[in-house]
Amino acid sequence: VAKDPSGKAVNALEQHIKNLLCPSTPFFFNTLYDPFREGADFVRGYPFSLREGVPTAVSHGLWLNIPDYDAPTQLVKPLERNTRFVDAVLTIPKGTLFPMCGMNLAFDRDLIGPAMYFGLMGDGQPIGRYDDMWAGWCIKVICDHLGLGVKTGLPYIYHSKASNPFVNLRKEYKGIFWQEEIIPFFQQAVLPKDCTTVQKCYVELAKQVKEKLSKVDPYFDKLADAMVTWIKAWDELNPPTAGSVPNGK
């Protein structure tokens, strides 16, 4: 459990719930960060038409102590520790991607659940340790399209078990190179207007992954197929209920 600068234990679950229940402001950046936190508000010059905000789909927390580094950075800075507690929550702006870590994460299942697939990675696959980041890139593109928000910052958790950088390097090796093409792909991804649910958005992303990333490696053909299979399984296990509405609408 992390502690704030006063020594008080951080209630990560409580903070995640607060983040998810408060609106996000992805369309215009507020220099006081989250305007819905106690003691903050919208600054002068913030458009009144955008102050209502949008529903928050994802709350992404941070780490104290052992930082979430890739293997090369771990090897260069083996003794580095994060001791900086930043008392802030902010909305990640529309059109901006981020590296999502799945170890301190909460999300609204009804709003973005179908897109929280952590990819076809790990044993037997050519890439590892990118599963949560893959999900993060997918959900951010979809949230931007559907008008949903993603917050990052508080809560902190205390991470005390360092992973082996040499093992990590074997898992990450291809991803370190591939991400230089994966990230531009997500930055340029455009979803059509008829993609009005998370499922439709995700299947469309899978189609674009197959079309544009298969040239990077045949693995992305398999990943795209797995994304579609995931949505089929999600829909089978989560049939729509009477009166349900499309995600984010």
Protein backbone atom coordinates (compact mmCIF):
# COMPACT_ATOMS: atom_id res chain seq x y z
CA VAL A 1 0.00 0.00 0.00
CA ALA A 2 1.37 3.41 -0.95
CA LYS A 3 1.42 6.32 1.46
CA ASP A 4 0.91 9.98 0.66
CA PRO A 5 3.45 12.62 1.81
CA SER A 6 1.64 12.93 5.16
CA GLY A 7 2.09 9.21 5.83
CA LYS A 8 -1.55 8.32 5.29
CA ALA A 9 -2.21 5.03 3.50
CA VAL A 10 -3.64 5.44 0.02
CA ASN A 11 -7.05 3.88 -0.56
CA ALA A 12 -6.54 2.99 -4.21
CA LEU A 13 -10.01 1.52 -4.72
CA GLU A 14 -11.71 4.61 -3.34
CA GLN A 15 -9.68 6.90 -5.59
CA HIS A 16 -10.33 4.81 -8.70
CA ILE A 17 -14.07 4.94 -7.98
CA LYS A 18 -13.90 8.71 -7.55
CA ASN A 19 -12.06 9.03 -10.85
CA LEU A 20 -14.62 6.92 -12.69
CA LEU A 21 -17.62 8.71 -11.18
CA CYS A 22 -16.34 12.19 -12.08
CA PRO A 23 -16.48 13.44 -15.68
CA SER A 24 -13.42 13.72 -17.90
CA THR A 25 -12.40 16.72 -20.00
CA PRO A 26 -10.59 15.35 -23.08
CA PHE A 27 -11.43 18.15 -25.52
CA PHE A 28 -9.73 21.10 -23.80
CA PHE A 29 -6.90 20.94 -21.27
CA ASN A 30 -7.52 22.43 -17.83
CA THR A 31 -4.31 23.77 -16.26
CA LEU A 32 -5.64 22.95 -12.78
CA TYR A 33 -5.87 19.34 -14.00
CA ASP A 34 -9.09 17.67 -12.81
CA PRO A 35 -11.60 20.51 -12.33
CA PHE A 36 -13.97 18.22 -10.43
CA ARG A 37 -11.58 17.59 -7.53
CA GLU A 38 -12.10 19.45 -4.28
CA GLY A 39 -10.31 22.80 -4.35
CA ALA A 40 -10.10 22.97 -8.15
CA ASP A 41 -12.29 24.32 -10.91
CA PHE A 42 -12.17 25.35 -14.54
CA VAL A 43 -9.66 28.12 -15.14
CA ARG A 44 -10.38 31.41 -16.89
CA GLY A 45 -10.67 30.86 -20.62
CA TYR A 46 -12.05 27.34 -20.40
CA PRO A 47 -15.06 27.09 -22.77
CA PHE A 48 -18.34 26.91 -20.87
CA SER A 49 -19.75 24.63 -23.56
CA LEU A 50 -17.22 21.94 -22.57
CA ARG A 51 -17.49 22.17 -18.79
CA GLU A 52 -20.04 19.41 -18.43
CA GLY A 53 -17.36 16.91 -19.42
CA VAL A 54 -17.87 13.36 -20.67
CA PRO A 55 -18.21 9.97 -18.91
CA THR A 56 -14.95 8.51 -17.62
CA ALA A 57 -14.26 5.02 -18.93
CA VAL A 58 -10.78 4.36 -17.53
CA SER A 59 -8.86 5.31 -14.37
CA HIS A 60 -5.11 4.69 -14.71
CA GLY A 61 -3.06 4.88 -11.52
CA LEU A 62 0.70 5.14 -10.96
CA TRP A 63 3.49 3.43 -9.01
CA LEU A 64 5.78 4.42 -6.16
CA ASN A 65 9.15 2.75 -5.49
CA ILE A 66 10.10 0.42 -8.39
CA PRO A 67 9.08 2.21 -11.60
CA ASP A 68 7.38 0.63 -14.61
CA TYR A 69 10.37 0.71 -16.98
CA ASP A 70 11.15 -1.28 -20.09
CA ALA A 71 14.11 -3.67 -19.96
CA PRO A 72 16.74 -1.36 -21.53
CA THR A 73 15.88 1.40 -19.05
CA GLN A 74 15.90 -1.12 -16.18
CA LEU A 75 19.41 -2.18 -17.17
CA VAL A 76 20.68 1.39 -17.37
CA LYS A 77 19.01 2.47 -14.10
CA PRO A 78 18.82 -0.65 -11.90
CA LEU A 79 18.72 1.25 -8.62
CA GLU A 80 16.35 4.05 -9.59
CA ARG A 81 13.22 4.40 -7.48
CA ASN A 82 10.22 6.65 -7.87
CA THR A 83 9.72 8.60 -4.64
CA ARG A 84 7.77 11.48 -6.17
CA PHE A 85 4.12 11.57 -5.11
CA VAL A 86 2.20 13.92 -7.39
CA ASP A 87 -1.21 14.78 -5.96
CA ALA A 88 -2.97 15.15 -9.29
CA VAL A 89 -5.47 13.54 -11.62
CA LEU A 90 -5.79 14.64 -15.20
CA THR A 91 -7.67 13.67 -18.33
CA ILE A 92 -5.51 12.41 -21.18
CA PRO A 93 -6.39 14.72 -24.10
CA LYS A 94 -8.22 13.47 -27.16
CA GLY A 95 -5.79 12.33 -29.83
CA THR A 96 -3.04 11.51 -27.34
CA LEU A 97 -1.95 7.92 -26.69
CA PHE A 98 -0.37 6.69 -23.46
CA PRO A 99 1.42 3.56 -22.14
CA MET A 100 -1.21 1.83 -20.03
CA CYS A 101 -0.09 -0.40 -17.16
CA GLY A 102 -2.58 -3.03 -16.06
CA MET A 103 -1.31 -3.29 -12.46
CA ASN A 104 -3.12 -0.22 -11.12
CA LEU A 105 -6.14 0.13 -13.33
CA ALA A 106 -9.90 0.47 -13.07
CA PHE A 107 -12.47 0.82 -15.82
CA ASP A 108 -16.19 1.08 -16.36
CA ARG A 109 -17.13 -2.31 -17.76
CA ASP A 110 -20.33 -1.04 -19.32
CA LEU A 111 -18.55 1.75 -21.16
CA ILE A 112 -15.33 0.13 -22.39
CA GLY A 113 -15.25 -3.50 -21.20
CA PRO A 114 -15.30 -5.17 -24.64
CA ALA A 115 -12.06 -3.39 -25.61
CA MET A 116 -10.11 -4.52 -22.52
CA TYR A 117 -8.52 -7.47 -24.27
CA PHE A 118 -4.86 -7.77 -23.30
CA GLY A 119 -3.78 -9.17 -26.64
CA LEU A 120 -2.44 -12.48 -27.90
CA MET A 121 0.89 -12.37 -26.06
CA GLY A 122 3.08 -14.34 -23.70
CA ASP A 123 4.19 -17.97 -23.95
CA GLY A 124 4.25 -19.21 -27.54
CA GLN A 125 3.96 -15.71 -29.00
CA PRO A 126 6.80 -13.55 -30.38
CA ILE A 127 6.09 -10.68 -27.99
CA GLY A 128 5.37 -10.15 -24.30
CA ARG A 129 4.94 -7.32 -21.78
CA TYR A 130 2.96 -5.32 -24.33
CA ASP A 131 -0.42 -6.84 -23.55
CA ASP A 132 -1.65 -4.04 -21.31
CA MET A 133 -0.19 -1.38 -23.59
CA TRP A 134 -1.93 -2.91 -26.60
CA ALA A 135 -5.21 -2.72 -24.71
CA GLY A 136 -4.41 0.87 -23.75
CA TRP A 137 -3.82 1.96 -27.33
CA CYS A 138 -7.04 0.27 -28.44
CA ILE A 139 -9.19 1.74 -25.67
CA LYS A 140 -7.81 5.24 -26.19
CA VAL A 141 -8.65 5.28 -29.90
CA ILE A 142 -12.13 3.94 -29.12
CA CYS A 143 -12.73 6.35 -26.23
CA ASP A 144 -11.71 9.27 -28.44
CA HIS A 145 -14.13 8.10 -31.12
CA LEU A 146 -17.07 7.51 -28.76
CA GLY A 147 -16.53 10.66 -26.70
CA LEU A 148 -15.37 8.96 -23.50
CA GLY A 149 -12.62 9.97 -21.09
CA VAL A 150 -9.44 8.39 -19.73
CA LYS A 151 -7.85 9.70 -16.52
CA THR A 152 -4.36 9.15 -15.14
CA GLY A 153 -2.56 10.11 -11.93
CA LEU A 154 -3.87 9.16 -8.49
CA PRO A 155 -4.10 6.60 -6.99
CA TYR A 156 -0.58 5.38 -6.34
CA ILE A 157 0.31 1.84 -5.38
CA TYR A 158 3.61 0.75 -3.84
CA HIS A 159 5.53 -1.62 -6.10
CA SER A 160 8.25 -3.58 -4.32
CA LYS A 161 9.01 -6.57 -6.55
CA ALA A 162 11.35 -5.77 -9.42
CA SER A 163 11.10 -8.02 -12.46
CA ASN A 164 14.23 -9.45 -14.08
CA PRO A 165 15.41 -7.08 -16.83
CA PHE A 166 17.13 -9.87 -18.79
CA VAL A 167 13.95 -11.95 -18.84
CA ASN A 168 12.00 -8.82 -19.73
CA LEU A 169 14.35 -8.04 -22.60
CA ARG A 170 13.68 -11.42 -24.19
CA LYS A 171 9.95 -10.76 -23.95
CA GLU A 172 10.11 -7.14 -25.12
CA TYR A 173 12.80 -7.36 -27.78
CA LYS A 174 10.57 -7.40 -30.85
CA GLY A 175 8.04 -5.06 -29.29
CA ILE A 176 10.67 -2.38 -28.76
CA PHE A 177 11.18 -2.27 -32.51
CA TRP A 178 7.57 -2.93 -33.50
CA GLN A 179 6.17 -0.14 -31.33
CA GLU A 180 7.81 2.40 -33.64
CA GLU A 181 5.29 1.28 -36.26
CA ILE A 182 2.44 0.24 -33.97
CA ILE A 183 2.12 3.65 -32.32
CA PRO A 184 1.90 5.62 -35.61
CA PHE A 185 -0.75 3.12 -36.70
CA PHE A 186 -2.90 3.93 -33.69
CA GLN A 187 -2.19 7.65 -34.02
CA GLN A 188 -3.54 7.58 -37.57
CA ALA A 189 -6.42 5.15 -36.99
CA VAL A 190 -9.82 6.56 -37.94
CA LEU A 191 -13.06 4.78 -37.10
CA PRO A 192 -16.13 5.27 -39.32
CA LYS A 193 -19.22 7.02 -37.99
CA ASP A 194 -21.28 3.84 -38.03
CA CYS A 195 -19.01 2.41 -35.30
CA THR A 196 -21.34 3.38 -32.47
CA THR A 197 -20.48 0.65 -29.95
CA VAL A 198 -17.23 -0.54 -28.44
CA GLN A 199 -17.68 -3.90 -30.15
CA LYS A 200 -18.07 -2.34 -33.60
CA CYS A 201 -15.08 -0.10 -32.97
CA TYR A 202 -12.94 -3.01 -31.83
CA VAL A 203 -13.81 -5.20 -34.81
CA GLU A 204 -13.01 -2.29 -37.12
CA LEU A 205 -9.65 -1.82 -35.36
CA ALA A 206 -8.96 -5.53 -35.82
CA LYS A 207 -9.65 -5.14 -39.54
CA GLN A 208 -7.21 -2.24 -39.76
CA VAL A 209 -4.59 -4.17 -37.76
CA LYS A 210 -4.80 -7.00 -40.28
CA GLU A 211 -4.59 -4.62 -43.24
CA LYS A 212 -1.81 -2.33 -42.02
CA LEU A 213 0.30 -4.14 -39.44
CA SER A 214 0.59 -7.56 -41.08
CA LYS A 215 3.46 -6.13 -43.14
CA VAL A 216 5.37 -5.65 -39.87
CA ASP A 217 5.03 -9.33 -38.95
CA PRO A 218 2.57 -12.19 -39.68
CA TYR A 219 1.90 -12.26 -35.94
CA PHE A 220 -0.46 -9.31 -36.39
CA ASP A 221 -2.70 -11.43 -38.62
CA LYS A 222 -3.16 -13.82 -35.69
CA LEU A 223 -3.63 -10.96 -33.25
CA ALA A 224 -6.35 -9.40 -35.44
CA ASP A 225 -8.16 -12.74 -35.63
CA ALA A 226 -7.89 -13.11 -31.85
CA MET A 227 -9.40 -9.64 -31.39
CA VAL A 228 -12.45 -10.65 -33.43
CA THR A 229 -12.73 -13.94 -31.53
CA TRP A 230 -12.61 -12.00 -28.26
CA ILE A 231 -15.57 -9.84 -29.30
CA LYS A 232 -17.56 -12.88 -30.39
CA ALA A 233 -16.92 -14.47 -27.00
CA TRP A 234 -17.78 -11.23 -25.19
CA ASP A 235 -21.10 -10.91 -27.00
CA GLU A 236 -21.93 -14.56 -26.41
CA LEU A 237 -21.26 -14.27 -22.68
CA ASN A 238 -22.76 -10.80 -22.31
CA PRO A 239 -26.02 -10.75 -24.30
CA PRO A 240 -27.71 -7.35 -24.48
CA THR A 241 -30.49 -6.74 -21.98
CA ALA A 242 -33.80 -5.05 -22.66
CA GLY A 243 -33.44 -1.30 -22.72
CA SER A 244 -29.65 -1.34 -23.09
CA VAL A 245 -28.05 1.44 -25.10
CA PRO A 246 -24.83 1.53 -27.16
CA ASN A 247 -21.62 2.14 -25.24
CA GLY A 248 -20.95 5.80 -24.57
CA LYS A 249 -24.24 6.97 -26.08
